[in-house]
């Protein structure tokens, strides 16, 4: 769960796609130049929040007898929840400016 959230956080804050132009010798113009961990940023241990708590709900409806060992979906839901990071950045920018922020595309990198 934690890994999926951090992966999603990286998607919304770090992983910007770069397309090759004429000045990129290792890729044909128009192809994706950031296609591996060597050419784009992925979240590292220093990107993880210092206080990061995760709790799995153990209520009576959490039982799933039809799944193996009562498993739950843990891939896409935490990745989607990391959109909260993107919206927190947008709200922080608005609070700092004292005015609403216009369109902000993901990823919300420092360059943007």
Protein backbone atom coordinates (compact mmCIF):
# COMPACT_ATOMS: atom_id res chain seq x y z
CA UNK A 1 0.00 0.00 0.00
CA UNK A 2 2.78 2.39 0.95
CA UNK A 3 4.72 1.63 -2.23
CA UNK A 4 1.69 2.24 -4.44
CA UNK A 5 1.03 5.59 -2.76
CA UNK A 6 4.68 6.68 -3.19
CA UNK A 7 4.59 5.53 -6.83
CA UNK A 8 1.49 7.67 -7.40
CA UNK A 9 3.09 10.58 -5.56
CA UNK A 10 6.03 10.34 -7.98
CA UNK A 11 3.64 10.28 -10.91
CA UNK A 12 1.99 13.52 -9.75
CA UNK A 13 5.21 15.34 -8.74
CA UNK A 14 8.30 13.95 -10.49
CA UNK A 15 7.74 11.81 -13.56
CA UNK A 16 7.58 14.26 -16.43
CA UNK A 17 7.64 12.85 -19.97
CA UNK A 18 10.23 14.28 -22.33
CA UNK A 19 9.99 13.82 -26.08
CA UNK A 20 13.11 13.65 -28.21
CA UNK A 21 13.95 16.53 -30.48
CA UNK A 22 16.82 16.99 -32.87
CA UNK A 23 19.32 17.55 -30.04
CA UNK A 24 18.83 14.12 -28.44
CA UNK A 25 21.41 11.77 -30.00
CA UNK A 26 20.10 8.52 -28.46
CA UNK A 27 16.48 8.81 -29.66
CA UNK A 28 14.70 9.56 -32.90
CA UNK A 29 12.88 12.92 -33.00
CA UNK A 30 9.31 12.54 -31.75
CA UNK A 31 9.95 9.43 -29.67
CA UNK A 32 9.77 9.24 -25.88
CA UNK A 33 13.20 10.14 -24.46
CA UNK A 34 12.31 9.58 -20.79
CA UNK A 35 11.51 5.89 -21.10
CA UNK A 36 13.55 4.38 -18.26
CA UNK A 37 14.66 5.09 -14.70
CA UNK A 38 17.92 6.43 -16.19
CA UNK A 39 16.14 9.27 -17.98
CA UNK A 40 13.35 10.31 -15.60
CA UNK A 41 13.05 10.82 -11.87
CA UNK A 42 11.38 8.18 -9.75
CA UNK A 43 10.63 8.64 -6.03
CA UNK A 44 13.45 7.76 -3.69
CA UNK A 45 13.65 7.24 0.04
CA UNK A 46 14.24 10.97 0.58
CA UNK A 47 10.93 11.74 -1.20
CA UNK A 48 8.93 9.74 1.33
CA UNK A 49 7.14 11.82 3.99
CA UNK A 50 8.83 11.71 7.41
CA UNK A 51 5.51 10.90 9.09
CA UNK A 52 3.75 8.37 6.87
CA UNK A 53 1.15 6.23 8.62
CA UNK A 54 -0.95 3.55 6.93
CA UNK A 55 -3.73 1.57 8.51
CA UNK A 56 -5.79 -1.14 6.86
CA UNK A 57 -9.43 -1.16 7.85
CA UNK A 58 -10.31 -4.18 9.95
CA UNK A 59 -14.08 -3.63 10.27
CA UNK A 60 -16.64 -6.42 9.96
CA UNK A 61 -17.22 -5.72 6.26
CA UNK A 62 -13.49 -6.07 5.52
CA UNK A 63 -13.80 -9.85 5.20
CA UNK A 64 -13.78 -11.08 1.62
CA UNK A 65 -14.40 -14.85 1.58
CA UNK A 66 -14.31 -15.00 -2.23
CA UNK A 67 -10.71 -13.80 -2.46
CA UNK A 68 -7.52 -15.67 -1.62
CA UNK A 69 -6.85 -15.24 2.11
CA UNK A 70 -9.50 -12.44 2.19
CA UNK A 71 -7.22 -10.20 0.15
CA UNK A 72 -8.18 -6.68 -0.89
CA UNK A 73 -7.24 -4.58 -3.90
CA UNK A 74 -4.04 -2.76 -2.97
CA UNK A 75 -2.65 -1.61 -6.34
CA UNK A 76 -4.73 1.08 -8.00
CA UNK A 77 -6.64 2.51 -4.98
CA UNK A 78 -3.56 3.79 -3.10
CA UNK A 79 -2.04 5.03 -6.35
CA UNK A 80 -5.18 7.06 -7.02
CA UNK A 81 -5.25 8.36 -3.43
CA UNK A 82 -1.87 9.98 -4.07
CA UNK A 83 -3.72 12.54 -6.21
CA UNK A 84 -4.20 14.22 -2.82
CA UNK A 85 -0.52 15.23 -3.05
CA UNK A 86 -1.15 17.02 -6.36
CA UNK A 87 -4.18 18.88 -5.00
CA UNK A 88 -2.32 19.76 -1.78
CA UNK A 89 0.40 21.37 -3.92
CA UNK A 90 -2.22 23.34 -5.82
CA UNK A 91 -3.88 24.52 -2.60
CA UNK A 92 -0.50 25.46 -1.09
CA UNK A 93 0.30 27.57 -4.16
CA UNK A 94 -3.07 29.31 -3.89
CA UNK A 95 -2.56 29.97 -0.18
CA UNK A 96 0.92 31.36 -0.82
CA UNK A 97 -0.30 33.66 -3.59
CA UNK A 98 -3.47 34.66 -1.80
CA UNK A 99 -5.40 33.93 -5.00
CA UNK A 100 -6.65 30.86 -6.87
CA UNK A 101 -4.17 29.08 -9.11
CA UNK A 102 -5.03 28.65 -12.77
CA UNK A 103 -4.71 25.33 -14.56
CA UNK A 104 -1.95 23.14 -13.16
CA UNK A 105 -1.04 20.04 -15.11
CA UNK A 106 0.40 16.90 -13.61
CA UNK A 107 3.14 16.32 -12.85
CA UNK A 108 3.46 19.41 -10.70
CA UNK A 109 7.26 19.62 -11.02
CA UNK A 110 9.38 22.52 -9.82
CA UNK A 111 10.07 23.41 -13.47
CA UNK A 112 6.40 24.11 -14.09
